[in-house]
Amino acid sequence: MCRAVPSASWISTLDAFWIICTDNIGRTIVSNKFQVMAATTMLLCVTSLGPLTAMAQHPAGPTCMDIQWNAEFLKAYPRAPAACQEIAVRNGKNFARFTAKVTSVKPDNVTVRFLSSGGEQGREMSLKPGPNARVEIAGKKIDYSKLRKDDVLTFWVPERALGVISDPDDTASSTIVLN
């Protein structure tokens, strides 16, 4: 039960009335007209968002948070799901896409640093190229032997795997060397 009571404050017309209510267990709740209007406006805004939220577009397929990561990979690179940029599904298998910057190239391995979708640099990891394995740079497949420091490349990690491939349709893979 609520009642309006004139306020003793003449400072603002918003403070002209106090609303005094009693809740179902007998507690008295006092608020000014402005607080009641603000609360009512907030409630109306929140309830009107309900239909919009229901109509919001959800991703058509799995997201980076849905993929089953290899346990050893996730232990060594716990922020990998945050660096993942998308998931592709081929023949019922999930592949996570990453972008990385080459930090060093050696005959038997390449070290890269994860890049977030915003371009921030993350943790380094080493890749040991497999036979015929390649990576993608600017949409072109490149042999590991042609990589140079500061190249920005794209690679895919198959779900539950400890390796990378140049794209989800590729079969030649490289091994992730855990540090």
C-alpha atoms as a PDB file:
ATOM      1  CA  MET A   1       0.000   0.000   0.000  1.00  0.00           C
ATOM      2  CA  CYS A   2       1.425   3.402  -0.998  1.00  0.00           C
ATOM      3  CA  ARG A   3       0.519   7.061  -0.395  1.00  0.00           C
ATOM      4  CA  ALA A   4       1.949  10.373  -1.593  1.00  0.00           C
ATOM      5  CA  VAL A   5       2.970  12.897   1.062  1.00  0.00           C
ATOM      6  CA  PRO A   6       4.014  16.525   0.337  1.00  0.00           C
ATOM      7  CA  SER A   7       7.728  17.068   0.918  1.00  0.00           C
ATOM      8  CA  ALA A   8       9.134  19.744   3.192  1.00  0.00           C
ATOM      9  CA  SER A   9      11.844  20.398   0.611  1.00  0.00           C
ATOM     10  CA  TRP A  10      11.249  23.321  -1.755  1.00  0.00           C
ATOM     11  CA  ILE A  11      14.625  22.979  -3.479  1.00  0.00           C
ATOM     12  CA  SER A  12      13.345  21.079  -6.466  1.00  0.00           C
ATOM     13  CA  THR A  13       9.947  20.352  -7.906  1.00  0.00           C
ATOM     14  CA  LEU A  14      11.139  16.762  -8.413  1.00  0.00           C
ATOM     15  CA  ASP A  15      11.272  16.462  -4.638  1.00  0.00           C
ATOM     16  CA  ALA A  16       7.760  17.835  -4.160  1.00  0.00           C
ATOM     17  CA  PHE A  17       6.270  14.489  -3.097  1.00  0.00           C
ATOM     18  CA  TRP A  18       7.447  11.536  -1.104  1.00  0.00           C
ATOM     19  CA  ILE A  19       6.036   8.128  -1.865  1.00  0.00           C
ATOM     20  CA  ILE A  20       5.571   6.078   1.288  1.00  0.00           C
ATOM     21  CA  CYS A  21       4.819   2.378   0.829  1.00  0.00           C
ATOM     22  CA  THR A  22       4.421  -0.548   3.166  1.00  0.00           C
ATOM     23  CA  ASP A  23       5.562  -3.927   1.858  1.00  0.00           C
ATOM     24  CA  ASN A  24       3.876  -7.264   2.573  1.00  0.00           C
ATOM     25  CA  ILE A  25       5.804  -7.814   5.836  1.00  0.00           C
ATOM     26  CA  GLY A  26       5.137  -4.362   7.264  1.00  0.00           C
ATOM     27  CA  ARG A  27       8.388  -2.548   6.382  1.00  0.00           C
ATOM     28  CA  THR A  28       8.028   1.105   5.406  1.00  0.00           C
ATOM     29  CA  ILE A  29       9.750   2.192   2.195  1.00  0.00           C
ATOM     30  CA  VAL A  30      10.158   5.920   1.558  1.00  0.00           C
ATOM     31  CA  SER A  31      11.301   7.377  -1.749  1.00  0.00           C
ATOM     32  CA  ASN A  32      10.885  10.656  -3.509  1.00  0.00           C
ATOM     33  CA  LYS A  33       8.926  11.125  -6.722  1.00  0.00           C
ATOM     34  CA  PHE A  34      12.122  11.320  -8.772  1.00  0.00           C
ATOM     35  CA  GLN A  35      13.375   7.926  -7.501  1.00  0.00           C
ATOM     36  CA  VAL A  36      10.027   6.324  -8.294  1.00  0.00           C
ATOM     37  CA  MET A  37      10.015   7.804 -11.815  1.00  0.00           C
ATOM     38  CA  ALA A  38      13.604   6.647 -12.408  1.00  0.00           C
ATOM     39  CA  ALA A  39      12.850   3.130 -11.173  1.00  0.00           C
ATOM     40  CA  THR A  40       9.681   2.957 -13.298  1.00  0.00           C
ATOM     41  CA  THR A  41      11.572   4.147 -16.381  1.00  0.00           C
ATOM     42  CA  MET A  42      14.329   1.586 -15.785  1.00  0.00           C
ATOM     43  CA  LEU A  43      11.782  -1.203 -15.373  1.00  0.00           C
ATOM     44  CA  LEU A  44      10.028  -0.227 -18.596  1.00  0.00           C
ATOM     45  CA  CYS A  45      13.325  -0.123 -20.488  1.00  0.00           C
ATOM     46  CA  VAL A  46      14.439  -3.530 -19.227  1.00  0.00           C
ATOM     47  CA  THR A  47      11.101  -5.205 -19.947  1.00  0.00           C
ATOM     48  CA  SER A  48      10.962  -3.722 -23.445  1.00  0.00           C
ATOM     49  CA  LEU A  49      14.349  -5.329 -24.264  1.00  0.00           C
ATOM     50  CA  GLY A  50      12.944  -8.824 -23.753  1.00  0.00           C
ATOM     51  CA  PRO A  51      11.515  -9.228 -27.270  1.00  0.00           C
ATOM     52  CA  LEU A  52      14.650  -7.687 -28.818  1.00  0.00           C
ATOM     53  CA  THR A  53      16.893 -10.132 -26.973  1.00  0.00           C
ATOM     54  CA  ALA A  54      14.747 -13.033 -28.122  1.00  0.00           C
ATOM     55  CA  MET A  55      15.094 -11.863 -31.732  1.00  0.00           C
ATOM     56  CA  ALA A  56      18.897 -11.340 -31.508  1.00  0.00           C
ATOM     57  CA  GLN A  57      20.949 -13.322 -33.993  1.00  0.00           C
ATOM     58  CA  HIS A  58      22.890 -16.189 -32.457  1.00  0.00           C
ATOM     59  CA  PRO A  59      25.829 -17.777 -34.239  1.00  0.00           C
ATOM     60  CA  ALA A  60      24.731 -20.399 -36.749  1.00  0.00           C
ATOM     61  CA  GLY A  61      27.358 -22.901 -35.645  1.00  0.00           C
ATOM     62  CA  PRO A  62      29.784 -23.585 -32.834  1.00  0.00           C
ATOM     63  CA  THR A  63      31.831 -20.779 -31.312  1.00  0.00           C
ATOM     64  CA  CYS A  64      35.377 -20.748 -29.959  1.00  0.00           C
ATOM     65  CA  MET A  65      33.975 -21.459 -26.495  1.00  0.00           C
ATOM     66  CA  ASP A  66      32.186 -24.611 -27.733  1.00  0.00           C
ATOM     67  CA  ILE A  67      35.197 -26.451 -29.172  1.00  0.00           C
ATOM     68  CA  GLN A  68      36.773 -29.388 -27.329  1.00  0.00           C
ATOM     69  CA  TRP A  69      40.404 -28.335 -26.920  1.00  0.00           C
ATOM     70  CA  ASN A  70      43.269 -30.808 -26.581  1.00  0.00           C
ATOM     71  CA  ALA A  71      44.027 -30.951 -22.834  1.00  0.00           C
ATOM     72  CA  GLU A  72      47.820 -30.575 -23.271  1.00  0.00           C
ATOM     73  CA  PHE A  73      47.335 -27.654 -25.670  1.00  0.00           C
ATOM     74  CA  LEU A  74      44.943 -25.915 -23.282  1.00  0.00           C
ATOM     75  CA  LYS A  75      47.272 -26.475 -20.331  1.00  0.00           C
ATOM     76  CA  ALA A  76      50.178 -24.868 -22.212  1.00  0.00           C
ATOM     77  CA  TYR A  77      48.011 -22.133 -23.803  1.00  0.00           C
ATOM     78  CA  PRO A  78      45.086 -21.514 -21.425  1.00  0.00           C
ATOM     79  CA  ARG A  79      44.048 -18.321 -23.273  1.00  0.00           C
ATOM     80  CA  ALA A  80      43.803 -20.090 -26.633  1.00  0.00           C
ATOM     81  CA  PRO A  81      39.982 -19.943 -26.638  1.00  0.00           C
ATOM     82  CA  ALA A  82      40.207 -16.146 -26.317  1.00  0.00           C
ATOM     83  CA  ALA A  83      42.709 -15.940 -29.212  1.00  0.00           C
ATOM     84  CA  CYS A  84      40.532 -18.191 -31.401  1.00  0.00           C
ATOM     85  CA  GLN A  85      38.852 -16.113 -34.099  1.00  0.00           C
ATOM     86  CA  GLU A  86      36.270 -18.471 -35.555  1.00  0.00           C
ATOM     87  CA  ILE A  87      35.231 -22.089 -35.905  1.00  0.00           C
ATOM     88  CA  ALA A  88      34.790 -23.869 -39.233  1.00  0.00           C
ATOM     89  CA  VAL A  89      33.012 -27.206 -39.538  1.00  0.00           C
ATOM     90  CA  ARG A  90      34.106 -29.685 -42.235  1.00  0.00           C
ATOM     91  CA  ASN A  91      32.764 -33.242 -42.455  1.00  0.00           C
ATOM     92  CA  GLY A  92      31.428 -32.967 -38.906  1.00  0.00           C
ATOM     93  CA  LYS A  93      34.786 -31.869 -37.437  1.00  0.00           C
ATOM     94  CA  ASN A  94      35.464 -28.480 -35.820  1.00  0.00           C
ATOM     95  CA  PHE A  95      38.527 -26.362 -36.613  1.00  0.00           C
ATOM     96  CA  ALA A  96      39.601 -23.242 -34.706  1.00  0.00           C
ATOM     97  CA  ARG A  97      41.164 -20.374 -36.694  1.00  0.00           C
ATOM     98  CA  PHE A  98      44.067 -18.396 -35.263  1.00  0.00           C
ATOM     99  CA  THR A  99      46.207 -15.529 -36.475  1.00  0.00           C
ATOM    100  CA  ALA A 100      49.810 -15.297 -35.346  1.00  0.00           C
ATOM    101  CA  LYS A 101      52.928 -13.267 -35.979  1.00  0.00           C
ATOM    102  CA  VAL A 102      56.185 -15.084 -36.763  1.00  0.00           C
ATOM    103  CA  THR A 103      58.841 -14.300 -34.147  1.00  0.00           C
ATOM    104  CA  SER A 104      61.588 -16.681 -35.331  1.00  0.00           C
ATOM    105  CA  VAL A 105      62.261 -19.158 -38.118  1.00  0.00           C
ATOM    106  CA  LYS A 106      64.630 -22.105 -37.706  1.00  0.00           C
ATOM    107  CA  PRO A 107      65.179 -25.069 -40.011  1.00  0.00           C
ATOM    108  CA  ASP A 108      63.212 -27.450 -37.770  1.00  0.00           C
ATOM    109  CA  ASN A 109      60.571 -25.128 -36.278  1.00  0.00           C
ATOM    110  CA  VAL A 110      58.831 -21.764 -36.463  1.00  0.00           C
ATOM    111  CA  THR A 111      57.925 -19.721 -33.399  1.00  0.00           C
ATOM    112  CA  VAL A 112      54.782 -17.610 -33.591  1.00  0.00           C
ATOM    113  CA  ARG A 113      52.933 -15.296 -31.214  1.00  0.00           C
ATOM    114  CA  PHE A 114      49.142 -15.496 -31.034  1.00  0.00           C
ATOM    115  CA  LEU A 115      47.292 -12.364 -32.143  1.00  0.00           C
ATOM    116  CA  SER A 116      43.818 -11.534 -30.869  1.00  0.00           C
ATOM    117  CA  SER A 117      41.107 -10.385 -33.261  1.00  0.00           C
ATOM    118  CA  GLY A 118      42.018  -6.837 -32.151  1.00  0.00           C
ATOM    119  CA  GLY A 119      45.696  -7.374 -33.022  1.00  0.00           C
ATOM    120  CA  GLU A 120      47.005  -7.631 -29.437  1.00  0.00           C
ATOM    121  CA  GLN A 121      49.901 -10.049 -29.070  1.00  0.00           C
ATOM    122  CA  GLY A 122      49.574 -13.097 -26.851  1.00  0.00           C
ATOM    123  CA  ARG A 123      51.714 -16.061 -25.913  1.00  0.00           C
ATOM    124  CA  GLU A 124      54.320 -17.668 -28.159  1.00  0.00           C
ATOM    125  CA  MET A 125      54.237 -21.224 -29.416  1.00  0.00           C
ATOM    126  CA  SER A 126      56.495 -23.283 -31.638  1.00  0.00           C
ATOM    127  CA  LEU A 127      55.368 -25.263 -34.655  1.00  0.00           C
ATOM    128  CA  LYS A 128      57.278 -28.211 -36.096  1.00  0.00           C
ATOM    129  CA  PRO A 129      56.365 -28.403 -39.799  1.00  0.00           C
ATOM    130  CA  GLY A 130      55.201 -31.764 -41.072  1.00  0.00           C
ATOM    131  CA  PRO A 131      55.909 -33.002 -44.613  1.00  0.00           C
ATOM    132  CA  ASN A 132      54.151 -30.779 -47.189  1.00  0.00           C
ATOM    133  CA  ALA A 133      52.652 -28.655 -44.379  1.00  0.00           C
ATOM    134  CA  ARG A 134      51.931 -25.007 -45.101  1.00  0.00           C
ATOM    135  CA  VAL A 135      50.354 -21.974 -43.491  1.00  0.00           C
ATOM    136  CA  GLU A 136      48.279 -19.161 -44.946  1.00  0.00           C
ATOM    137  CA  ILE A 137      49.453 -15.576 -45.414  1.00  0.00           C
ATOM    138  CA  ALA A 138      47.087 -13.041 -46.994  1.00  0.00           C
ATOM    139  CA  GLY A 139      44.954 -15.825 -48.452  1.00  0.00           C
ATOM    140  CA  LYS A 140      47.893 -17.722 -50.019  1.00  0.00           C
ATOM    141  CA  LYS A 141      49.329 -21.027 -48.812  1.00  0.00           C
ATOM    142  CA  ILE A 142      53.033 -20.671 -48.029  1.00  0.00           C
ATOM    143  CA  ASP A 143      55.659 -23.287 -47.199  1.00  0.00           C
ATOM    144  CA  TYR A 144      57.187 -22.933 -43.748  1.00  0.00           C
ATOM    145  CA  SER A 145      60.624 -22.533 -45.357  1.00  0.00           C
ATOM    146  CA  LYS A 146      59.483 -19.229 -46.925  1.00  0.00           C
ATOM    147  CA  LEU A 147      58.310 -17.653 -43.671  1.00  0.00           C
ATOM    148  CA  ARG A 148      60.109 -14.591 -42.356  1.00  0.00           C
ATOM    149  CA  LYS A 149      60.120 -12.852 -38.995  1.00  0.00           C
ATOM    150  CA  ASP A 150      57.089 -10.529 -38.580  1.00  0.00           C
ATOM    151  CA  ASP A 151      54.972 -12.382 -41.189  1.00  0.00           C
ATOM    152  CA  VAL A 152      51.353 -12.572 -40.036  1.00  0.00           C
ATOM    153  CA  LEU A 153      49.869 -15.954 -40.781  1.00  0.00           C
ATOM    154  CA  THR A 154      46.620 -17.839 -40.366  1.00  0.00           C
ATOM    155  CA  PHE A 155      46.388 -21.442 -39.234  1.00  0.00           C
ATOM    156  CA  TRP A 156      43.703 -23.822 -38.026  1.00  0.00           C
ATOM    157  CA  VAL A 157      43.758 -26.177 -35.041  1.00  0.00           C
ATOM    158  CA  PRO A 158      41.546 -29.267 -35.419  1.00  0.00           C
ATOM    159  CA  GLU A 159      39.329 -30.035 -32.432  1.00  0.00           C
ATOM    160  CA  ARG A 160      41.074 -32.205 -29.789  1.00  0.00           C
ATOM    161  CA  ALA A 161      44.337 -32.116 -31.820  1.00  0.00           C
ATOM    162  CA  LEU A 162      47.846 -30.999 -30.985  1.00  0.00           C
ATOM    163  CA  GLY A 163      48.651 -29.745 -34.451  1.00  0.00           C
ATOM    164  CA  VAL A 164      47.892 -27.046 -37.006  1.00  0.00           C
ATOM    165  CA  ILE A 165      46.881 -27.047 -40.671  1.00  0.00           C
ATOM    166  CA  SER A 166      46.691 -24.335 -43.317  1.00  0.00           C
ATOM    167  CA  ASP A 167      42.910 -24.634 -43.729  1.00  0.00           C
ATOM    168  CA  PRO A 168      40.131 -27.017 -42.646  1.00  0.00           C
ATOM    169  CA  ASP A 169      40.312 -28.887 -45.974  1.00  0.00           C
ATOM    170  CA  ASP A 170      44.073 -29.524 -45.738  1.00  0.00           C
ATOM    171  CA  THR A 171      45.498 -32.874 -44.637  1.00  0.00           C
ATOM    172  CA  ALA A 172      49.188 -31.982 -44.121  1.00  0.00           C
ATOM    173  CA  SER A 173      49.658 -30.911 -40.536  1.00  0.00           C
ATOM    174  CA  SER A 174      52.362 -29.481 -38.312  1.00  0.00           C
ATOM    175  CA  THR A 175      52.891 -30.358 -34.678  1.00  0.00           C
ATOM    176  CA  ILE A 176      52.552 -27.848 -31.858  1.00  0.00           C
ATOM    177  CA  VAL A 177      55.647 -28.038 -29.676  1.00  0.00           C
ATOM    178  CA  LEU A 178      54.626 -27.593 -26.043  1.00  0.00           C
ATOM    179  CA  ASN A 179      56.969 -25.366 -24.043  1.00  0.00           C
END
